[in-house]
Amino acid sequence: MKTEIDFLKGNRGEREKRQKLLRMVKTGSILVLLVYCLILSVFFSYDFYIKSQGEKIAKENKIKKEKIESLKEVETLQVALKQRLSSLGKFFDSQKGSDYPLLLDYFDNLTQEITLKTLIIQDDGKVNLNGGAADTFVLERFLEKINQEETDRLFSGVTLSSLDKRDDGSYFLVILFEAKNNQ
């Protein structure tokens, strides 16, 4: 029996181990690189999401601030209207023998649909109302309210001083009310 001894086989086994180790290192480094890229892409995606949400919130804040600014003017007008109605109440309270709380309720109901510009109360019981109606339908409802029986009970005369149609289709009107004196 003849046996051959291969002295190179020992080197081949060592080479195969080294190649196996190099393949494992190569595969491991590729996996580490892939995991790193995945984590990096998650961070960039999250950063992009946070920035887009921040911009969205900033836009919503800007819109809400603009809305608040526009409402300040309305609030100012409401305060002025309350002051004028308060002075109207004081005037009517100073007139004895008349049913002026009914007049206050009447003006409160009357001016809900129109935009009241001025309400001037004169010492002789006359009330000058300046206002605007957004369109023909609002003007029609307003004039119907003035033509009701309640108006005849409260006022001795109602005069439409002026009615102007504007380019945008709205109307500006001036009405003079003469309060009845039941003294």
Protein backbone atom coordinates (compact mmCIF):
# COMPACT_ATOMS: atom_id res chain seq x y z
CA MET A 1 0.00 0.00 0.00
CA LYS A 2 1.25 3.23 -1.09
CA THR A 3 0.18 6.38 0.51
CA GLU A 4 0.81 9.78 -0.70
CA ILE A 5 1.39 12.57 1.60
CA ASP A 6 0.34 15.92 0.28
CA PHE A 7 2.19 18.66 2.07
CA LEU A 8 0.26 21.35 0.21
CA LYS A 9 -3.04 20.22 1.66
CA GLY A 10 -2.25 21.82 4.97
CA ASN A 11 -1.81 25.18 3.23
CA ARG A 12 -5.05 24.71 1.33
CA GLY A 13 -6.98 24.14 4.56
CA GLU A 14 -5.46 27.27 6.00
CA ARG A 15 -6.31 29.19 2.81
CA GLU A 16 -9.89 27.93 2.89
CA LYS A 17 -10.26 29.06 6.50
CA ARG A 18 -8.86 32.48 5.60
CA GLN A 19 -11.18 32.75 2.57
CA LYS A 20 -14.12 31.71 4.72
CA LEU A 21 -13.16 34.36 7.27
CA LEU A 22 -12.79 36.99 4.53
CA ARG A 23 -16.23 36.08 3.12
CA MET A 24 -17.76 36.39 6.57
CA VAL A 25 -16.06 39.77 7.10
CA LYS A 26 -17.22 40.90 3.65
CA THR A 27 -20.79 39.73 4.23
CA GLY A 28 -20.80 41.22 7.74
CA SER A 29 -19.48 44.58 6.54
CA ILE A 30 -22.13 44.67 3.79
CA LEU A 31 -24.81 43.91 6.39
CA VAL A 32 -23.44 46.59 8.73
CA LEU A 33 -23.36 49.07 5.82
CA LEU A 34 -26.97 48.19 4.90
CA VAL A 35 -28.13 48.60 8.52
CA TYR A 36 -26.27 51.93 8.75
CA CYS A 37 -27.90 53.15 5.51
CA LEU A 38 -31.30 52.02 6.76
CA ILE A 39 -30.86 53.85 10.06
CA LEU A 40 -29.57 56.93 8.25
CA SER A 41 -32.57 56.92 5.90
CA VAL A 42 -34.93 56.60 8.90
CA PHE A 43 -33.33 59.66 10.52
CA PHE A 44 -33.53 61.69 7.30
CA SER A 45 -37.17 60.66 6.76
CA TYR A 46 -38.05 61.58 10.31
CA ASP A 47 -36.28 64.93 9.97
CA PHE A 48 -38.18 65.63 6.73
CA TYR A 49 -41.48 64.66 8.41
CA ILE A 50 -40.78 66.94 11.39
CA LYS A 51 -39.89 69.87 9.12
CA SER A 52 -43.00 69.42 6.96
CA GLN A 53 -45.21 69.22 10.05
CA GLY A 54 -43.52 72.34 11.45
CA GLU A 55 -44.22 74.22 8.22
CA LYS A 56 -47.84 73.03 8.26
CA ILE A 57 -48.30 74.21 11.84
CA ALA A 58 -46.65 77.55 11.00
CA LYS A 59 -49.09 78.05 8.10
CA GLU A 60 -52.06 77.20 10.33
CA ASN A 61 -50.80 79.66 12.96
CA LYS A 62 -50.45 82.37 10.33
CA ILE A 63 -54.01 81.76 9.10
CA LYS A 64 -55.37 81.85 12.65
CA LYS A 65 -53.47 85.06 13.43
CA GLU A 66 -54.91 86.69 10.30
CA LYS A 67 -58.38 85.56 11.33
CA ILE A 68 -57.88 87.00 14.81
CA GLU A 69 -56.68 90.28 13.32
CA SER A 70 -59.77 90.48 11.11
CA LEU A 71 -62.01 89.76 14.09
CA LYS A 72 -60.47 92.62 16.09
CA GLU A 73 -62.19 95.11 13.79
CA VAL A 74 -65.53 93.35 14.25
CA GLU A 75 -65.02 93.32 18.00
CA THR A 76 -64.28 97.05 17.94
CA LEU A 77 -67.48 97.67 16.00
CA GLN A 78 -69.44 95.56 18.48
CA VAL A 79 -68.04 97.54 21.40
CA ALA A 80 -68.94 100.80 19.66
CA LEU A 81 -72.45 99.50 18.95
CA LYS A 82 -72.91 98.45 22.57
CA GLN A 83 -71.80 101.90 23.69
CA ARG A 84 -74.27 103.54 21.33
CA LEU A 85 -77.08 101.25 22.43
CA SER A 86 -76.15 102.05 26.02
CA SER A 87 -76.39 105.78 25.29
CA LEU A 88 -79.70 105.10 23.55
CA GLY A 89 -80.88 103.30 26.68
CA LYS A 90 -79.83 106.24 28.85
CA PHE A 91 -81.67 108.62 26.56
CA PHE A 92 -84.83 106.55 26.59
CA ASP A 93 -84.62 106.10 30.36
CA SER A 94 -84.45 109.88 30.75
CA GLN A 95 -87.72 110.23 28.84
CA LYS A 96 -90.49 109.58 31.34
CA GLY A 97 -93.88 108.26 30.41
CA SER A 98 -92.71 106.53 27.23
CA ASP A 99 -92.23 102.84 26.63
CA TYR A 100 -88.56 103.08 25.65
CA PRO A 101 -87.49 99.55 26.61
CA LEU A 102 -89.71 98.43 23.73
CA LEU A 103 -87.79 100.81 21.48
CA LEU A 104 -84.48 99.31 22.59
CA ASP A 105 -85.73 95.80 21.85
CA TYR A 106 -87.05 97.04 18.52
CA PHE A 107 -83.65 98.46 17.45
CA ASP A 108 -81.87 95.37 18.70
CA ASN A 109 -84.05 93.13 16.51
CA LEU A 110 -84.09 95.58 13.62
CA THR A 111 -80.32 95.91 13.22
CA GLN A 112 -79.41 92.20 13.31
CA GLU A 113 -79.39 91.71 9.53
CA ILE A 114 -77.87 95.03 8.45
CA THR A 115 -74.48 96.54 9.10
CA LEU A 116 -75.12 99.49 11.39
CA LYS A 117 -72.80 102.43 10.67
CA THR A 118 -74.25 105.11 12.98
CA LEU A 119 -77.22 105.52 15.26
CA ILE A 120 -77.64 109.17 16.23
CA ILE A 121 -80.08 110.04 18.99
CA GLN A 122 -81.31 113.61 19.04
CA ASP A 123 -82.78 115.41 22.03
CA ASP A 124 -86.14 115.89 20.34
CA GLY A 125 -86.82 112.11 20.19
CA LYS A 126 -85.61 111.60 16.64
CA VAL A 127 -83.30 108.72 15.84
CA ASN A 128 -81.11 108.79 12.72
CA LEU A 129 -79.99 105.33 11.56
CA ASN A 130 -77.24 104.88 8.93
CA GLY A 131 -76.43 101.39 7.78
CA GLY A 132 -75.69 99.03 4.97
CA ALA A 133 -77.43 95.98 3.55
CA ALA A 134 -75.36 93.29 1.84
CA ASP A 135 -77.86 92.62 -0.94
CA THR A 136 -81.44 93.15 -2.09
CA PHE A 137 -82.86 90.33 0.03
CA VAL A 138 -81.39 91.72 3.26
CA LEU A 139 -82.68 95.19 2.34
CA GLU A 140 -86.14 93.78 1.61
CA ARG A 141 -86.32 91.95 4.98
CA PHE A 142 -85.12 95.08 6.76
CA LEU A 143 -87.75 97.28 5.10
CA GLU A 144 -90.44 94.68 5.88
CA LYS A 145 -89.46 94.85 9.55
CA ILE A 146 -89.83 98.61 9.46
CA ASN A 147 -93.33 98.32 7.93
CA GLN A 148 -94.68 96.10 10.74
CA GLU A 149 -97.34 97.16 13.25
CA GLU A 150 -94.74 97.44 15.98
CA THR A 151 -93.16 100.35 14.11
CA ASP A 152 -96.50 102.20 14.07
CA ARG A 153 -96.90 101.67 17.82
CA LEU A 154 -93.43 103.00 18.64
CA PHE A 155 -92.87 105.78 16.10
CA SER A 156 -95.00 108.62 14.88
CA GLY A 157 -93.05 108.74 11.63
CA VAL A 158 -90.40 106.79 9.75
CA THR A 159 -88.65 108.46 6.81
CA LEU A 160 -86.27 106.77 4.40
CA SER A 161 -83.91 109.70 3.83
CA SER A 162 -81.63 108.04 1.30
CA LEU A 163 -80.97 104.70 -0.35
CA ASP A 164 -77.86 104.25 -2.48
CA LYS A 165 -76.86 101.14 -4.40
CA ARG A 166 -73.11 100.57 -4.54
CA ASP A 167 -71.10 98.94 -7.31
CA ASP A 168 -70.73 95.68 -5.36
CA GLY A 169 -74.53 95.26 -5.11
CA SER A 170 -74.82 96.38 -1.50
CA TYR A 171 -77.00 99.25 -0.33
CA PHE A 172 -76.36 102.20 1.97
CA LEU A 173 -79.40 103.68 3.67
CA VAL A 174 -80.32 106.49 6.02
CA ILE A 175 -83.59 106.33 7.97
CA LEU A 176 -85.08 108.88 10.38
CA PHE A 177 -87.36 107.60 13.16
CA GLU A 178 -89.53 109.96 15.20
CA ALA A 179 -90.33 108.41 18.57
CA LYS A 180 -93.85 108.75 19.97
CA ASN A 181 -94.02 110.66 23.19
CA ASN A 182 -96.64 109.15 25.49
CA GLN A 183 -96.21 111.65 28.29
